């Protein structure tokens, strides 16, 4: 289940000189030209893809980066760089460094937005695009909801309080049984020397997110249709039926516009499907192989 390789990539800083390190997790044969890049959500990390990567590794080289400030990637020196365009530039630099001409992309939430940006602006880079519970319109209510907690609940005095937080917060990640639940508990936080637990992302990400998505700033839903209409590659859209980030109306519209996504909806799941459950993994692997 663990990655076959873990290394650091020095991504160029968006302003001035220097680089910022990104932790890169890899599975499969390193010379395989058939590549799948998996990118996580706003406060998550690459280990969310362990189960999916294990299923894909016999056929593909699977690459899952920790986007800056998450997981094993240290915080950015300038919090203003916590933006999707900067992350997209990081991924282009990574692909160039690894001599990856094109790939299949699996993106959860934020990772899906980054994939949409790349598919729209560098169409030859993305052969196929899987969007996990993210779409071409972001509802302001869902963004406000996320802004209430991101970066504000970071440290827990003991294992019991940490597990209680994860159980209450990541309910859709814990549906798949004990093995998945323990995986989420293990990789969502780091145990500190004093026995406390700290979530594995830079809390300043929350400050940046709130500044961009405050009620004062966000008067309406955020449209990404202009980006969506520029995408030409095949798209698989995974939708949690109870999601507050991807509405049913937006999901349906995405099947009729732009690249006309193939839509799969999971009843009883919110934001977002974990991609750790067997049926979700099967859906993604079979679609990528078509």
Protein backbone atom coordinates (compact mmCIF):
# COMPACT_ATOMS: atom_id res chain seq x y z
CA UNK A 1 0.00 0.00 0.00
CA UNK A 2 2.89 2.39 0.69
CA UNK A 3 4.40 4.23 -2.29
CA UNK A 4 7.23 2.53 -4.13
CA UNK A 5 9.21 5.78 -4.16
CA UNK A 6 9.19 9.07 -2.25
CA UNK A 7 11.34 11.99 -3.38
CA UNK A 8 11.45 15.78 -3.37
CA UNK A 9 10.93 18.00 -6.42
CA UNK A 10 12.20 21.62 -6.29
CA UNK A 11 9.36 23.61 -7.88
CA UNK A 12 10.33 27.08 -9.10
CA UNK A 13 8.99 29.95 -7.01
CA UNK A 14 6.32 31.98 -8.83
CA UNK A 15 8.10 35.23 -7.95
CA UNK A 16 11.82 35.89 -7.91
CA UNK A 17 14.47 33.25 -7.59
CA UNK A 18 14.57 30.03 -5.62
CA UNK A 19 12.40 26.95 -5.31
CA UNK A 20 9.93 25.36 -2.91
CA UNK A 21 10.12 21.59 -2.27
CA UNK A 22 7.25 19.26 -3.10
CA UNK A 23 7.05 15.69 -1.83
CA UNK A 24 6.28 13.26 -4.66
CA UNK A 25 4.88 9.77 -4.08
CA UNK A 26 5.17 7.18 -6.86
CA UNK A 27 3.94 3.68 -7.57
CA UNK A 28 4.62 1.33 -10.47
CA UNK A 29 7.39 1.02 -13.03
CA UNK A 30 9.31 4.34 -13.18
CA UNK A 31 9.96 4.02 -16.94
CA UNK A 32 6.33 3.32 -17.85
CA UNK A 33 5.21 6.03 -20.33
CA UNK A 34 1.55 5.56 -19.32
CA UNK A 35 1.26 7.95 -16.38
CA UNK A 36 -1.59 8.77 -13.99
CA UNK A 37 -1.17 11.89 -11.85
CA UNK A 38 -3.41 12.06 -8.78
CA UNK A 39 -3.90 15.35 -6.93
CA UNK A 40 -5.68 15.72 -3.59
CA UNK A 41 -8.08 18.24 -2.11
CA UNK A 42 -7.55 21.53 -0.29
CA UNK A 43 -6.39 20.20 3.10
CA UNK A 44 -5.67 16.59 2.23
CA UNK A 45 -2.49 14.91 0.93
CA UNK A 46 -1.19 12.33 -1.52
CA UNK A 47 -1.80 9.36 0.76
CA UNK A 48 -5.53 9.63 -0.02
CA UNK A 49 -4.64 7.82 -3.26
CA UNK A 50 -2.84 4.82 -1.76
CA UNK A 51 -5.70 2.40 -2.49
CA UNK A 52 -6.36 3.71 -5.99
CA UNK A 53 -2.63 3.81 -6.81
CA UNK A 54 -2.18 0.19 -5.73
CA UNK A 55 -4.92 -0.80 -8.17
CA UNK A 56 -3.46 1.29 -11.02
CA UNK A 57 0.24 0.51 -10.51
CA UNK A 58 0.31 -2.78 -12.47
CA UNK A 59 -0.67 -0.85 -15.61
CA UNK A 60 0.48 2.72 -15.00
CA UNK A 61 3.19 4.80 -13.42
CA UNK A 62 1.20 6.60 -10.71
CA UNK A 63 2.41 9.95 -9.36
CA UNK A 64 0.76 11.66 -6.40
CA UNK A 65 2.31 14.95 -5.22
CA UNK A 66 1.76 16.61 -1.89
CA UNK A 67 0.77 20.08 -3.06
CA UNK A 68 2.79 22.79 -1.27
CA UNK A 69 1.96 23.11 2.42
CA UNK A 70 0.28 19.70 2.65
CA UNK A 71 1.46 16.29 3.75
CA UNK A 72 5.24 15.99 3.44
CA UNK A 73 5.57 19.25 1.48
CA UNK A 74 6.64 22.12 3.76
CA UNK A 75 4.76 25.43 3.99
CA UNK A 76 5.32 28.04 1.32
CA UNK A 77 7.45 31.04 2.28
CA UNK A 78 4.73 33.33 0.94
CA UNK A 79 1.14 32.27 1.82
CA UNK A 80 -0.15 34.33 -1.11
CA UNK A 81 1.21 31.55 -3.33
CA UNK A 82 -1.48 29.14 -2.08
CA UNK A 83 -3.49 29.44 -5.29
CA UNK A 84 -4.63 27.02 -7.96
CA UNK A 85 -2.65 28.73 -10.77
CA UNK A 86 0.58 28.41 -8.75
CA UNK A 87 -0.16 24.74 -8.09
CA UNK A 88 -0.90 24.21 -11.79
CA UNK A 89 2.47 25.78 -12.66
CA UNK A 90 4.14 23.45 -10.13
CA UNK A 91 2.58 20.44 -11.82
CA UNK A 92 3.69 21.59 -15.27
CA UNK A 93 7.22 22.00 -13.95
CA UNK A 94 7.07 18.51 -12.42
CA UNK A 95 5.90 16.97 -15.70
CA UNK A 96 8.70 18.75 -17.55
CA UNK A 97 11.28 17.54 -15.04
CA UNK A 98 10.05 13.94 -15.33
CA UNK A 99 9.79 14.11 -19.15
CA UNK A 100 6.05 13.37 -19.05
CA UNK A 101 4.55 14.50 -22.35
CA UNK A 102 0.98 13.65 -21.34
CA UNK A 103 -0.90 11.89 -18.57
CA UNK A 104 -4.23 10.78 -17.24
CA UNK A 105 -5.30 13.04 -14.37
CA UNK A 106 -7.33 12.19 -11.26
CA UNK A 107 -8.20 15.25 -9.19
CA UNK A 108 -10.20 15.45 -5.98
CA UNK A 109 -11.84 18.83 -5.33
CA UNK A 110 -8.91 21.30 -5.53
CA UNK A 111 -6.93 18.71 -7.48
CA UNK A 112 -9.76 18.61 -10.00
CA UNK A 113 -9.67 22.38 -10.46
CA UNK A 114 -5.93 22.20 -11.10
CA UNK A 115 -6.59 19.45 -13.65
CA UNK A 116 -9.26 21.56 -15.36
CA UNK A 117 -6.85 24.49 -15.61
CA UNK A 118 -4.20 22.31 -17.22
CA UNK A 119 -6.63 20.57 -19.57
CA UNK A 120 -7.94 23.95 -20.75
CA UNK A 121 -4.59 25.73 -21.10
CA UNK A 122 -2.29 22.82 -22.06
CA UNK A 123 -4.64 20.37 -23.80
CA UNK A 124 -1.87 18.05 -25.01
CA UNK A 125 -0.81 17.39 -21.40
CA UNK A 126 -4.05 15.73 -20.26
CA UNK A 127 -5.30 12.63 -22.10
CA UNK A 128 -8.16 11.90 -19.74
CA UNK A 129 -9.51 13.80 -16.76
CA UNK A 130 -11.26 12.40 -13.68
CA UNK A 131 -12.95 15.07 -11.56
CA UNK A 132 -13.84 13.91 -8.07
CA UNK A 133 -16.74 16.01 -6.78
CA UNK A 134 -15.74 19.31 -8.32
CA UNK A 135 -17.34 21.09 -11.21
CA UNK A 136 -17.62 24.10 -13.46
CA UNK A 137 -19.48 26.16 -10.86
CA UNK A 138 -18.62 26.48 -7.17
CA UNK A 139 -21.58 27.32 -4.91
CA UNK A 140 -20.91 30.14 -2.46
CA UNK A 141 -22.71 28.26 0.34
CA UNK A 142 -20.29 25.34 0.09
CA UNK A 143 -17.26 27.63 -0.01
CA UNK A 144 -18.52 29.53 3.04
CA UNK A 145 -18.97 26.21 4.87
CA UNK A 146 -15.39 25.16 4.17
CA UNK A 147 -14.07 28.55 5.27
CA UNK A 148 -15.59 28.05 8.72
CA UNK A 149 -13.24 25.23 9.67
CA UNK A 150 -10.21 25.12 7.35
CA UNK A 151 -7.06 26.02 9.27
CA UNK A 152 -8.94 26.66 12.52
CA UNK A 153 -8.93 23.19 14.06
CA UNK A 154 -5.36 22.00 13.75
CA UNK A 155 -4.11 20.57 17.05
CA UNK A 156 -5.56 17.95 19.39
CA UNK A 157 -4.25 17.14 22.88
CA UNK A 158 -4.53 13.35 22.55
CA UNK A 159 -5.45 10.53 20.22
CA UNK A 160 -9.06 10.33 21.43
CA UNK A 161 -9.81 13.97 20.60
CA UNK A 162 -8.06 13.66 17.24
CA UNK A 163 -10.02 10.55 16.29
CA UNK A 164 -13.27 12.23 17.32
CA UNK A 165 -12.48 15.16 15.01
CA UNK A 166 -11.66 12.91 12.05
CA UNK A 167 -14.78 10.81 12.61
CA UNK A 168 -16.99 13.91 12.63
CA UNK A 169 -15.22 15.70 9.76
CA UNK A 170 -14.37 12.99 7.24
CA UNK A 171 -17.51 10.88 7.42
CA UNK A 172 -17.49 10.16 3.68
CA UNK A 173 -13.89 8.91 3.93
CA UNK A 174 -14.70 6.44 6.71
CA UNK A 175 -17.52 4.48 5.10
CA UNK A 176 -15.35 1.75 3.64
CA UNK A 177 -14.44 -0.23 6.74
CA UNK A 178 -11.75 -0.42 9.39
CA UNK A 179 -8.76 -0.57 7.03
CA UNK A 180 -9.77 2.67 5.29
CA UNK A 181 -10.63 4.37 8.57
CA UNK A 182 -7.25 3.52 10.06
CA UNK A 183 -5.53 4.75 6.91
CA UNK A 184 -7.30 8.12 7.20
CA UNK A 185 -6.44 8.38 10.90
CA UNK A 186 -2.79 7.56 10.20
CA UNK A 187 -2.21 10.02 7.38
CA UNK A 188 -4.39 13.03 8.28
CA UNK A 189 -2.21 14.18 11.19
CA UNK A 190 1.24 13.76 12.71
CA UNK A 191 1.78 12.68 16.29
CA UNK A 192 3.90 15.20 18.20
CA UNK A 193 6.54 14.33 20.84
CA UNK A 194 4.17 15.34 23.66
CA UNK A 195 1.47 12.92 22.44
CA UNK A 196 -0.69 15.56 20.77
CA UNK A 197 -1.74 15.43 17.10
CA UNK A 198 -1.44 18.10 14.42
CA UNK A 199 -3.18 18.06 11.03
CA UNK A 200 -0.81 17.77 8.09
CA UNK A 201 -1.31 21.09 6.35
CA UNK A 202 -0.28 24.70 6.80
CA UNK A 203 -3.03 26.59 8.71
CA UNK A 204 -2.26 29.68 6.62
CA UNK A 205 -4.04 27.89 3.77
CA UNK A 206 -7.22 28.62 5.73
CA UNK A 207 -6.39 32.31 5.99
CA UNK A 208 -5.91 32.56 2.24
CA UNK A 209 -9.09 30.58 1.55
CA UNK A 210 -11.18 32.76 3.88
CA UNK A 211 -9.83 35.97 2.38
CA UNK A 212 -10.92 34.81 -1.08
CA UNK A 213 -14.25 33.28 -0.01
CA UNK A 214 -15.59 35.57 2.71
CA UNK A 215 -19.26 36.65 2.59
CA UNK A 216 -18.05 40.16 1.78
CA UNK A 217 -15.98 38.95 -1.18
CA UNK A 218 -18.25 36.19 -2.46
CA UNK A 219 -21.62 37.57 -3.56
CA UNK A 220 -22.43 34.76 -5.99
CA UNK A 221 -21.36 31.31 -7.09
CA UNK A 222 -17.96 31.11 -8.79
CA UNK A 223 -18.35 30.15 -12.47
CA UNK A 224 -15.65 28.08 -14.15
CA UNK A 225 -17.63 27.47 -17.33
CA UNK A 226 -15.16 29.41 -19.48
CA UNK A 227 -12.45 26.96 -18.41
CA UNK A 228 -14.79 23.99 -18.79
CA UNK A 229 -15.73 24.87 -22.36
CA UNK A 230 -12.07 24.86 -23.41
CA UNK A 231 -11.51 21.27 -22.28
CA UNK A 232 -11.48 18.73 -25.12
CA UNK A 233 -10.31 15.50 -23.47
CA UNK A 234 -12.71 12.85 -22.12
CA UNK A 235 -13.93 13.60 -18.59
CA UNK A 236 -15.30 11.33 -15.88
CA UNK A 237 -17.23 13.30 -13.26
CA UNK A 238 -17.73 11.65 -9.87
CA UNK A 239 -20.47 13.22 -7.78
CA UNK A 240 -21.43 12.75 -4.17
CA UNK A 241 -25.22 13.10 -4.19
CA UNK A 242 -25.14 15.07 -0.92
CA UNK A 243 -22.24 17.30 -1.93
CA UNK A 244 -22.30 20.99 -1.04
CA UNK A 245 -19.52 21.74 -3.55
CA UNK A 246 -20.85 20.02 -6.70
CA UNK A 247 -24.59 20.46 -7.12
CA UNK A 248 -26.73 18.03 -9.11
CA UNK A 249 -27.69 20.83 -11.51
CA UNK A 250 -24.06 21.68 -12.24
CA UNK A 251 -23.16 18.01 -12.67
CA UNK A 252 -25.99 17.50 -15.16
CA UNK A 253 -25.06 20.63 -17.11
CA UNK A 254 -21.49 19.33 -17.39
CA UNK A 255 -22.79 16.23 -19.22
CA UNK A 256 -24.34 18.49 -21.87
CA UNK A 257 -21.69 21.18 -22.36
CA UNK A 258 -17.96 21.39 -23.03
CA UNK A 259 -16.41 17.91 -23.19
CA UNK A 260 -19.74 16.35 -22.09
CA UNK A 261 -18.62 14.48 -19.01
CA UNK A 262 -19.55 10.93 -18.14
CA UNK A 263 -21.34 11.29 -14.80
CA UNK A 264 -21.35 8.79 -11.93
CA UNK A 265 -23.30 9.77 -8.81
CA UNK A 266 -22.85 8.06 -5.45
CA UNK A 267 -25.98 8.14 -3.26
CA UNK A 268 -25.57 9.00 0.40
CA UNK A 269 -22.13 10.56 -0.04
CA UNK A 270 -21.29 14.24 0.37
CA UNK A 271 -18.08 16.06 -0.46
CA UNK A 272 -16.37 13.97 -1.45
CA UNK A 273 -16.07 10.30 -2.48
CA UNK A 274 -12.88 8.94 -0.89
CA UNK A 275 -11.65 6.94 -3.92
CA UNK A 276 -10.69 4.30 -1.36
CA UNK A 277 -13.77 2.09 -1.67
CA UNK A 278 -13.73 -0.85 -4.08
CA UNK A 279 -16.64 0.30 -6.26
CA UNK A 280 -15.17 3.79 -6.67
CA UNK A 281 -11.75 2.38 -7.54
CA UNK A 282 -13.32 0.03 -10.08
CA UNK A 283 -15.20 2.90 -11.73
CA UNK A 284 -12.02 4.95 -12.14
CA UNK A 285 -9.77 2.11 -13.29
CA UNK A 286 -12.24 0.79 -15.86
CA UNK A 287 -12.89 4.26 -17.28
CA UNK A 288 -9.20 5.09 -17.55
CA UNK A 289 -8.60 1.84 -19.45
CA UNK A 290 -11.31 2.41 -22.04
